[in-house]
């Protein structure tokens, strides 16, 4: 897919772009997690191969359609890693690696996930989708598309922190 220019855009504009792009991917059959990771690949300058999207495939439907942790949330965590992830081998000392992970990496990811949980009250796919009845119904799909858009926008917000 083509790269999307975000040059000169405010964080709010980038968040809105991420929301719209991710909804478009859901409409063409990408799962929740793939939508968000694909959106980040479009919006961020990365040397990652297109095939990296495969990493997100198993997280859809709450991890392999088991309705556990929401795929939009896991997709947002994967996507945020593009900008905020670490090279675990950039520090020689094991204690420095751990200190950096706990002091600099986990906090931003945790803050993002907690913001999503605060918005929806849960991170569990079944709890998010069961109120809509049949998993294949239009109302559930519409709700998931809105969650995908929200999670993509929040991931974009944290990528710009």
N, C-alpha and C. Protein backbone atom coordinates (compact mmCIF):
# COMPACT_ATOMS: atom_id res chain seq x y z
N UNK A 1 0.85 -1.19 0.00
CA UNK A 1 0.00 0.00 0.00
C UNK A 1 0.88 1.24 0.00
N UNK A 2 0.37 2.33 -0.50
CA UNK A 2 1.16 3.55 -0.57
C UNK A 2 1.32 4.21 0.80
N UNK A 3 2.44 4.85 0.97
CA UNK A 3 2.68 5.62 2.18
C UNK A 3 1.76 6.83 2.19
N UNK A 4 1.36 7.23 3.37
CA UNK A 4 0.50 8.40 3.54
C UNK A 4 1.36 9.50 4.16
N UNK A 5 1.35 10.67 3.58
CA UNK A 5 2.15 11.77 4.11
C UNK A 5 1.48 12.35 5.35
N UNK A 6 2.25 12.42 6.41
CA UNK A 6 1.77 13.05 7.64
C UNK A 6 2.55 14.33 7.94
N UNK A 7 3.40 14.72 7.00
CA UNK A 7 4.23 15.90 7.19
C UNK A 7 3.38 17.14 7.41
N UNK A 8 3.72 17.88 8.45
CA UNK A 8 3.01 19.12 8.75
C UNK A 8 1.68 18.93 9.45
N UNK A 9 1.31 17.70 9.73
CA UNK A 9 0.02 17.43 10.39
C UNK A 9 0.18 17.51 11.91
N UNK A 10 -0.86 17.96 12.57
CA UNK A 10 -0.88 17.96 14.03
C UNK A 10 -1.12 16.54 14.51
N UNK A 11 -0.87 16.30 15.77
CA UNK A 11 -1.14 14.98 16.34
C UNK A 11 -2.61 14.63 16.18
N UNK A 12 -3.48 15.58 16.39
CA UNK A 12 -4.92 15.33 16.25
C UNK A 12 -5.28 14.95 14.82
N UNK A 13 -4.66 15.61 13.85
CA UNK A 13 -4.91 15.27 12.44
C UNK A 13 -4.38 13.87 12.12
N UNK A 14 -3.23 13.53 12.67
CA UNK A 14 -2.68 12.19 12.47
C UNK A 14 -3.58 11.14 13.11
N UNK A 15 -4.12 11.45 14.27
CA UNK A 15 -5.03 10.51 14.94
C UNK A 15 -6.27 10.28 14.08
N UNK A 16 -6.82 11.34 13.52
CA UNK A 16 -8.00 11.22 12.66
C UNK A 16 -7.67 10.43 11.40
N UNK A 17 -6.50 10.65 10.84
CA UNK A 17 -6.08 9.89 9.66
C UNK A 17 -5.98 8.41 9.99
N UNK A 18 -5.36 8.10 11.12
CA UNK A 18 -5.20 6.70 11.53
C UNK A 18 -6.56 6.03 11.70
N UNK A 19 -7.50 6.75 12.29
CA UNK A 19 -8.84 6.20 12.48
C UNK A 19 -9.49 5.87 11.14
N UNK A 20 -9.42 6.79 10.20
CA UNK A 20 -10.06 6.58 8.90
C UNK A 20 -9.38 5.49 8.08
N UNK A 21 -8.07 5.50 8.07
CA UNK A 21 -7.33 4.49 7.31
C UNK A 21 -7.63 3.09 7.85
N UNK A 22 -7.62 2.96 9.18
CA UNK A 22 -7.86 1.64 9.78
C UNK A 22 -9.28 1.13 9.50
N UNK A 23 -10.26 2.02 9.49
CA UNK A 23 -11.62 1.61 9.16
C UNK A 23 -11.70 1.11 7.72
N UNK A 24 -10.97 1.78 6.84
CA UNK A 24 -10.94 1.35 5.45
C UNK A 24 -10.39 -0.06 5.31
N UNK A 25 -9.37 -0.37 6.07
CA UNK A 25 -8.80 -1.73 6.00
C UNK A 25 -9.78 -2.77 6.55
N UNK A 26 -10.55 -2.40 7.57
CA UNK A 26 -11.54 -3.34 8.11
C UNK A 26 -12.60 -3.63 7.06
N UNK A 27 -12.99 -2.60 6.33
CA UNK A 27 -14.02 -2.76 5.29
C UNK A 27 -13.59 -3.71 4.17
N UNK A 28 -12.28 -3.85 3.96
CA UNK A 28 -11.81 -4.72 2.88
C UNK A 28 -11.32 -6.08 3.39
N UNK A 29 -11.60 -6.38 4.64
CA UNK A 29 -11.35 -7.73 5.12
C UNK A 29 -10.14 -7.97 6.00
N UNK A 30 -9.41 -6.93 6.39
CA UNK A 30 -8.33 -7.15 7.34
C UNK A 30 -8.95 -7.32 8.72
N UNK A 31 -8.31 -8.14 9.56
CA UNK A 31 -8.84 -8.26 10.91
C UNK A 31 -8.43 -7.07 11.76
N UNK A 32 -8.96 -6.99 12.95
CA UNK A 32 -8.77 -5.83 13.81
C UNK A 32 -7.30 -5.50 14.04
N UNK A 33 -6.52 -6.48 14.34
CA UNK A 33 -5.10 -6.27 14.61
C UNK A 33 -4.34 -5.88 13.34
N UNK A 34 -4.64 -6.56 12.24
CA UNK A 34 -4.00 -6.24 10.97
C UNK A 34 -4.29 -4.80 10.54
N UNK A 35 -5.53 -4.35 10.77
CA UNK A 35 -5.91 -2.99 10.37
C UNK A 35 -4.99 -1.94 10.98
N UNK A 36 -4.73 -2.09 12.25
CA UNK A 36 -3.95 -1.08 12.95
C UNK A 36 -2.48 -1.17 12.57
N UNK A 37 -1.94 -2.36 12.49
CA UNK A 37 -0.54 -2.50 12.09
C UNK A 37 -0.34 -2.00 10.66
N UNK A 38 -1.26 -2.35 9.76
CA UNK A 38 -1.18 -1.89 8.36
C UNK A 38 -1.24 -0.36 8.29
N UNK A 39 -2.09 0.24 9.09
CA UNK A 39 -2.21 1.70 9.13
C UNK A 39 -0.89 2.33 9.54
N UNK A 40 -0.23 1.77 10.54
CA UNK A 40 1.05 2.30 10.98
C UNK A 40 2.12 2.16 9.90
N UNK A 41 2.09 1.05 9.19
CA UNK A 41 3.05 0.89 8.11
C UNK A 41 2.84 1.97 7.04
N UNK A 42 1.60 2.35 6.83
CA UNK A 42 1.28 3.39 5.85
C UNK A 42 1.70 4.78 6.32
N UNK A 43 1.59 5.02 7.61
CA UNK A 43 1.77 6.36 8.15
C UNK A 43 3.18 6.65 8.68
N UNK A 44 3.96 5.63 8.90
CA UNK A 44 5.28 5.82 9.53
C UNK A 44 6.39 5.35 8.60
N UNK A 45 7.46 6.10 8.62
CA UNK A 45 8.62 5.76 7.81
C UNK A 45 9.36 4.61 8.49
N UNK A 46 9.29 3.46 7.87
CA UNK A 46 9.90 2.27 8.46
C UNK A 46 10.54 1.44 7.36
N UNK A 47 11.53 0.68 7.73
CA UNK A 47 12.14 -0.22 6.76
C UNK A 47 11.60 -1.64 6.89
N UNK A 48 10.50 -1.77 7.59
CA UNK A 48 9.89 -3.09 7.77
C UNK A 48 9.27 -3.57 6.46
N UNK A 49 9.38 -4.86 6.18
CA UNK A 49 8.78 -5.39 4.95
C UNK A 49 7.26 -5.46 5.05
N UNK A 50 6.62 -5.43 3.90
CA UNK A 50 5.15 -5.54 3.86
C UNK A 50 4.66 -6.81 4.56
N UNK A 51 5.44 -7.86 4.48
CA UNK A 51 5.03 -9.14 5.07
C UNK A 51 4.94 -9.12 6.59
N UNK A 52 5.41 -8.06 7.21
CA UNK A 52 5.35 -7.96 8.68
C UNK A 52 3.90 -7.99 9.17
N UNK A 53 2.97 -7.62 8.30
CA UNK A 53 1.55 -7.63 8.65
C UNK A 53 1.11 -9.02 9.11
N UNK A 54 1.80 -10.04 8.65
CA UNK A 54 1.47 -11.41 9.05
C UNK A 54 1.56 -11.61 10.55
N UNK A 55 2.42 -10.85 11.21
CA UNK A 55 2.55 -10.97 12.67
C UNK A 55 1.24 -10.67 13.39
N UNK A 56 0.41 -9.84 12.79
CA UNK A 56 -0.84 -9.44 13.43
C UNK A 56 -1.99 -10.40 13.17
N UNK A 57 -1.86 -11.29 12.20
CA UNK A 57 -3.00 -12.12 11.79
C UNK A 57 -3.61 -12.94 12.92
N UNK A 58 -2.82 -13.51 13.75
CA UNK A 58 -3.33 -14.38 14.81
C UNK A 58 -3.99 -13.67 15.97
N UNK A 59 -3.91 -12.34 16.01
CA UNK A 59 -4.49 -11.61 17.12
C UNK A 59 -5.95 -11.23 16.89
N UNK A 60 -6.46 -11.41 15.67
CA UNK A 60 -7.84 -11.06 15.36
C UNK A 60 -8.85 -11.91 16.12
N UNK A 61 -10.00 -11.31 16.37
CA UNK A 61 -11.07 -12.02 17.08
C UNK A 61 -10.68 -12.39 18.50
N UNK A 62 -9.83 -11.58 19.09
CA UNK A 62 -9.41 -11.85 20.47
C UNK A 62 -8.44 -13.01 20.55
N UNK A 63 -7.45 -13.01 19.68
CA UNK A 63 -6.40 -14.02 19.60
C UNK A 63 -6.94 -15.33 19.04
N UNK A 64 -6.84 -15.44 17.74
CA UNK A 64 -7.28 -16.67 17.08
C UNK A 64 -8.76 -16.93 17.21
N UNK A 65 -9.53 -15.86 17.25
CA UNK A 65 -10.99 -15.92 17.36
C UNK A 65 -11.45 -16.62 18.64
N UNK A 66 -10.65 -16.54 19.69
CA UNK A 66 -11.04 -17.10 20.99
C UNK A 66 -11.75 -16.08 21.86
N UNK A 67 -11.82 -14.85 21.39
CA UNK A 67 -12.46 -13.74 22.10
C UNK A 67 -11.78 -13.40 23.41
N UNK A 68 -10.48 -13.60 23.46
CA UNK A 68 -9.70 -13.17 24.63
C UNK A 68 -9.31 -11.71 24.45
N UNK A 69 -8.08 -11.33 24.64
CA UNK A 69 -7.68 -9.93 24.53
C UNK A 69 -8.01 -9.39 23.14
N UNK A 70 -8.67 -8.26 23.12
CA UNK A 70 -9.14 -7.62 21.89
C UNK A 70 -8.00 -7.43 20.89
N UNK A 71 -8.24 -7.82 19.66
CA UNK A 71 -7.25 -7.70 18.60
C UNK A 71 -6.92 -6.27 18.24
N UNK A 72 -7.86 -5.36 18.41
CA UNK A 72 -7.56 -3.94 18.14
C UNK A 72 -6.53 -3.43 19.14
N UNK A 73 -6.65 -3.87 20.36
CA UNK A 73 -5.70 -3.45 21.40
C UNK A 73 -4.33 -4.08 21.17
N UNK A 74 -4.30 -5.38 20.87
CA UNK A 74 -3.01 -6.02 20.60
C UNK A 74 -2.38 -5.45 19.33
N UNK A 75 -3.21 -5.11 18.36
CA UNK A 75 -2.70 -4.47 17.15
C UNK A 75 -2.09 -3.11 17.45
N UNK A 76 -2.72 -2.37 18.34
CA UNK A 76 -2.18 -1.07 18.74
C UNK A 76 -0.84 -1.22 19.45
N UNK A 77 -0.71 -2.25 20.27
CA UNK A 77 0.56 -2.50 20.95
C UNK A 77 1.64 -2.85 19.93
N UNK A 78 1.30 -3.73 18.98
CA UNK A 78 2.26 -4.06 17.92
C UNK A 78 2.65 -2.82 17.13
N UNK A 79 1.67 -2.02 16.76
CA UNK A 79 1.93 -0.83 15.96
C UNK A 79 2.78 0.18 16.71
N UNK A 80 2.48 0.40 17.97
CA UNK A 80 3.25 1.35 18.76
C UNK A 80 4.71 0.92 18.85
N UNK A 81 4.94 -0.38 18.82
CA UNK A 81 6.30 -0.89 18.83
C UNK A 81 7.13 -0.41 17.66
N UNK A 82 6.49 -0.05 16.55
CA UNK A 82 7.21 0.47 15.40
C UNK A 82 7.95 1.75 15.78
N UNK A 83 7.30 2.59 16.57
CA UNK A 83 7.89 3.87 16.96
C UNK A 83 8.55 3.84 18.33
N UNK A 84 8.02 3.07 19.24
CA UNK A 84 8.49 3.14 20.63
C UNK A 84 9.14 1.85 21.13
N UNK A 85 9.20 0.84 20.28
CA UNK A 85 9.84 -0.41 20.68
C UNK A 85 11.34 -0.24 20.83
N UNK A 86 11.98 -1.20 21.43
CA UNK A 86 13.41 -1.11 21.67
C UNK A 86 14.16 -2.19 20.92
N UNK A 87 15.43 -1.98 20.74
CA UNK A 87 16.35 -3.02 20.29
C UNK A 87 16.88 -3.63 21.58
N UNK A 88 16.48 -4.85 21.92
CA UNK A 88 16.88 -5.40 23.22
C UNK A 88 18.38 -5.63 23.36
N UNK A 89 19.09 -5.55 22.26
CA UNK A 89 20.53 -5.80 22.31
C UNK A 89 21.36 -4.52 22.19
N UNK A 90 20.69 -3.37 22.32
CA UNK A 90 21.45 -2.13 22.21
C UNK A 90 22.20 -1.80 23.50
N UNK A 91 21.96 -2.57 24.53
CA UNK A 91 22.68 -2.42 25.79
C UNK A 91 23.37 -3.74 26.12
N UNK A 92 24.61 -3.65 26.46
CA UNK A 92 25.41 -4.85 26.74
C UNK A 92 24.98 -5.53 28.03
N UNK A 93 24.75 -4.73 29.05
CA UNK A 93 24.49 -5.23 30.39
C UNK A 93 23.02 -5.65 30.55
N UNK A 94 22.81 -6.85 31.06
CA UNK A 94 21.45 -7.37 31.25
C UNK A 94 20.64 -6.47 32.17
N UNK A 95 21.23 -6.02 33.26
CA UNK A 95 20.48 -5.18 34.20
C UNK A 95 20.09 -3.85 33.55
N UNK A 96 20.92 -3.32 32.65
CA UNK A 96 20.58 -2.09 31.94
C UNK A 96 19.44 -2.33 30.95
N UNK A 97 19.44 -3.49 30.31
CA UNK A 97 18.34 -3.84 29.40
C UNK A 97 17.02 -3.85 30.14
N UNK A 98 17.02 -4.50 31.28
CA UNK A 98 15.80 -4.63 32.08
C UNK A 98 15.37 -3.27 32.62
N UNK A 99 16.31 -2.49 33.11
CA UNK A 99 16.01 -1.17 33.64
C UNK A 99 15.38 -0.28 32.56
N UNK A 100 15.94 -0.33 31.36
CA UNK A 100 15.41 0.47 30.26
C UNK A 100 13.99 0.01 29.89
N UNK A 101 13.79 -1.28 29.82
CA UNK A 101 12.48 -1.84 29.49
C UNK A 101 11.45 -1.39 30.51
N UNK A 102 11.78 -1.54 31.78
CA UNK A 102 10.82 -1.20 32.84
C UNK A 102 10.63 0.30 33.03
N UNK A 103 11.68 1.07 32.77
CA UNK A 103 11.59 2.50 33.00
C UNK A 103 11.17 3.33 31.81
N UNK A 104 11.46 2.85 30.61
CA UNK A 104 11.18 3.66 29.42
C UNK A 104 10.20 3.05 28.44
N UNK A 105 10.11 1.74 28.39
CA UNK A 105 9.27 1.09 27.39
C UNK A 105 7.89 0.74 27.96
N UNK A 106 7.87 -0.04 29.01
CA UNK A 106 6.58 -0.48 29.56
C UNK A 106 5.66 0.69 29.94
N UNK A 107 6.17 1.77 30.51
CA UNK A 107 5.24 2.84 30.91
C UNK A 107 4.40 3.40 29.78
N UNK A 108 4.98 3.67 28.62
CA UNK A 108 4.19 4.27 27.53
C UNK A 108 3.19 3.27 26.96
N UNK A 109 3.60 2.00 26.84
CA UNK A 109 2.67 0.98 26.35
C UNK A 109 1.55 0.76 27.36
N UNK A 110 1.92 0.69 28.63
CA UNK A 110 0.92 0.49 29.69
C UNK A 110 -0.06 1.64 29.77
N UNK A 111 0.44 2.86 29.61
CA UNK A 111 -0.44 4.03 29.64
C UNK A 111 -1.45 3.97 28.51
N UNK A 112 -0.98 3.59 27.32
CA UNK A 112 -1.88 3.49 26.18
C UNK A 112 -2.96 2.42 26.42
N UNK A 113 -2.55 1.24 26.85
CA UNK A 113 -3.50 0.15 27.09
C UNK A 113 -4.50 0.55 28.18
N UNK A 114 -4.02 1.19 29.23
CA UNK A 114 -4.92 1.62 30.30
C UNK A 114 -5.91 2.67 29.81
N UNK A 115 -5.50 3.54 28.89
CA UNK A 115 -6.43 4.52 28.33
C UNK A 115 -7.53 3.81 27.53
N UNK A 116 -7.15 2.78 26.80
CA UNK A 116 -8.14 2.02 26.04
C UNK A 116 -9.09 1.28 26.98
N UNK A 117 -8.55 0.69 28.04
CA UNK A 117 -9.38 -0.02 29.00
C UNK A 117 -10.34 0.95 29.69
N UNK A 118 -9.86 2.14 30.00
CA UNK A 118 -10.71 3.14 30.63
C UNK A 118 -11.87 3.53 29.71
N UNK A 119 -11.57 3.63 28.42
CA UNK A 119 -12.61 4.00 27.43
C UNK A 119 -13.68 2.92 27.31
N UNK A 120 -13.28 1.66 27.28
CA UNK A 120 -14.22 0.57 27.01
C UNK A 120 -14.59 -0.28 28.22
N UNK A 121 -13.85 -0.12 29.31
CA UNK A 121 -14.17 -0.86 30.53
C UNK A 121 -13.58 -2.26 30.59
N UNK A 122 -13.04 -2.73 29.49
CA UNK A 122 -12.47 -4.08 29.44
C UNK A 122 -11.53 -4.17 28.24
N UNK A 123 -10.69 -5.17 28.26
CA UNK A 123 -9.80 -5.45 27.13
C UNK A 123 -10.16 -6.78 26.47
N UNK A 124 -11.24 -7.40 26.93
CA UNK A 124 -11.62 -8.74 26.50
C UNK A 124 -12.64 -8.69 25.37
N UNK A 125 -12.29 -9.31 24.27
CA UNK A 125 -13.12 -9.32 23.07
C UNK A 125 -14.55 -9.80 23.35
N UNK A 126 -14.69 -10.89 24.08
CA UNK A 126 -16.04 -11.41 24.34
C UNK A 126 -16.89 -10.41 25.11
N UNK A 127 -16.29 -9.71 26.06
CA UNK A 127 -17.05 -8.72 26.83
C UNK A 127 -17.40 -7.50 25.98
N UNK A 128 -16.58 -7.22 24.99
CA UNK A 128 -16.84 -6.10 24.09
C UNK A 128 -17.86 -6.45 23.01
N UNK A 129 -17.89 -7.71 22.60
CA UNK A 129 -18.74 -8.10 21.47
C UNK A 129 -20.02 -8.83 21.85
N UNK A 130 -20.05 -9.51 22.98
CA UNK A 130 -21.23 -10.29 23.35
C UNK A 130 -22.53 -9.48 23.46
N UNK A 131 -22.49 -8.22 23.89
CA UNK A 131 -23.75 -7.46 23.94
C UNK A 131 -24.45 -7.32 22.59
N UNK A 132 -23.73 -7.59 21.51
CA UNK A 132 -24.31 -7.46 20.18
C UNK A 132 -24.87 -8.78 19.66
N UNK A 133 -24.77 -9.83 20.46
CA UNK A 133 -25.30 -11.13 20.06
C UNK A 133 -24.36 -11.88 19.15
N UNK A 134 -24.89 -12.32 18.04
CA UNK A 134 -24.13 -13.10 17.06
C UNK A 134 -22.86 -12.35 16.64
N UNK A 135 -21.73 -13.04 16.71
CA UNK A 135 -20.45 -12.41 16.38
C UNK A 135 -20.42 -11.92 14.93
N UNK A 136 -21.21 -12.52 14.07
CA UNK A 136 -21.23 -12.14 12.66
C UNK A 136 -22.23 -11.04 12.34
N UNK A 137 -22.95 -10.53 13.34
CA UNK A 137 -23.98 -9.53 13.06
C UNK A 137 -23.38 -8.17 12.71
N UNK A 138 -24.15 -7.40 11.99
CA UNK A 138 -23.73 -6.09 11.51
C UNK A 138 -23.42 -5.13 12.67
N UNK A 139 -24.21 -5.16 13.72
CA UNK A 139 -23.99 -4.24 14.85
C UNK A 139 -22.65 -4.50 15.53
N UNK A 140 -22.29 -5.77 15.69
CA UNK A 140 -21.00 -6.10 16.31
C UNK A 140 -19.86 -5.64 15.40
N UNK A 141 -19.99 -5.86 14.12
CA UNK A 141 -18.94 -5.45 13.18
C UNK A 141 -18.78 -3.93 13.19
N UNK A 142 -19.90 -3.21 13.26
CA UNK A 142 -19.83 -1.75 13.31
C UNK A 142 -19.14 -1.30 14.60
N UNK A 143 -19.47 -1.95 15.70
CA UNK A 143 -18.82 -1.62 16.97
C UNK A 143 -17.32 -1.89 16.89
N UNK A 144 -16.95 -3.03 16.33
CA UNK A 144 -15.53 -3.35 16.20
C UNK A 144 -14.81 -2.35 15.31
N UNK A 145 -15.45 -1.92 14.24
CA UNK A 145 -14.83 -0.94 13.36
C UNK A 145 -14.57 0.37 14.12
N UNK A 146 -15.51 0.76 14.97
CA UNK A 146 -15.31 1.97 15.76
C UNK A 146 -14.18 1.79 16.77
N UNK A 147 -14.09 0.60 17.35
CA UNK A 147 -13.00 0.32 18.29
C UNK A 147 -11.65 0.31 17.58
N UNK A 148 -11.62 -0.25 16.39
CA UNK A 148 -10.39 -0.26 15.59
C UNK A 148 -9.95 1.17 15.32
N UNK A 149 -10.88 2.00 14.93
CA UNK A 149 -10.56 3.41 14.65
C UNK A 149 -10.05 4.10 15.91
N UNK A 150 -10.71 3.85 17.03
CA UNK A 150 -10.29 4.46 18.29
C UNK A 150 -8.89 3.99 18.68
N UNK A 151 -8.65 2.69 18.63
CA UNK A 151 -7.35 2.14 19.02
C UNK A 151 -6.24 2.61 18.09
N UNK A 152 -6.52 2.72 16.79
CA UNK A 152 -5.53 3.24 15.85
C UNK A 152 -5.20 4.69 16.17
N UNK A 153 -6.21 5.47 16.50
CA UNK A 153 -5.97 6.89 16.80
C UNK A 153 -5.18 7.05 18.10
N UNK A 154 -5.51 6.25 19.09
CA UNK A 154 -4.80 6.33 20.37
C UNK A 154 -3.35 5.85 20.21
N UNK A 155 -3.14 4.81 19.42
CA UNK A 155 -1.77 4.35 19.16
C UNK A 155 -0.98 5.46 18.46
N UNK A 156 -1.62 6.15 17.54
CA UNK A 156 -0.95 7.26 16.86
C UNK A 156 -0.61 8.38 17.85
N UNK A 157 -1.51 8.63 18.76
CA UNK A 157 -1.26 9.64 19.80
C UNK A 157 0.00 9.29 20.58
N UNK A 158 0.10 8.05 21.01
CA UNK A 158 1.25 7.62 21.81
C UNK A 158 2.53 7.54 20.98
N UNK A 159 2.41 7.26 19.71
CA UNK A 159 3.58 7.24 18.84
C UNK A 159 4.19 8.63 18.70
N UNK A 160 3.36 9.64 18.90
CA UNK A 160 3.82 11.02 18.77
C UNK A 160 4.21 11.66 20.09
N UNK A 161 4.23 10.89 21.16
CA UNK A 161 4.65 11.42 22.47
C UNK A 161 6.14 11.44 22.57
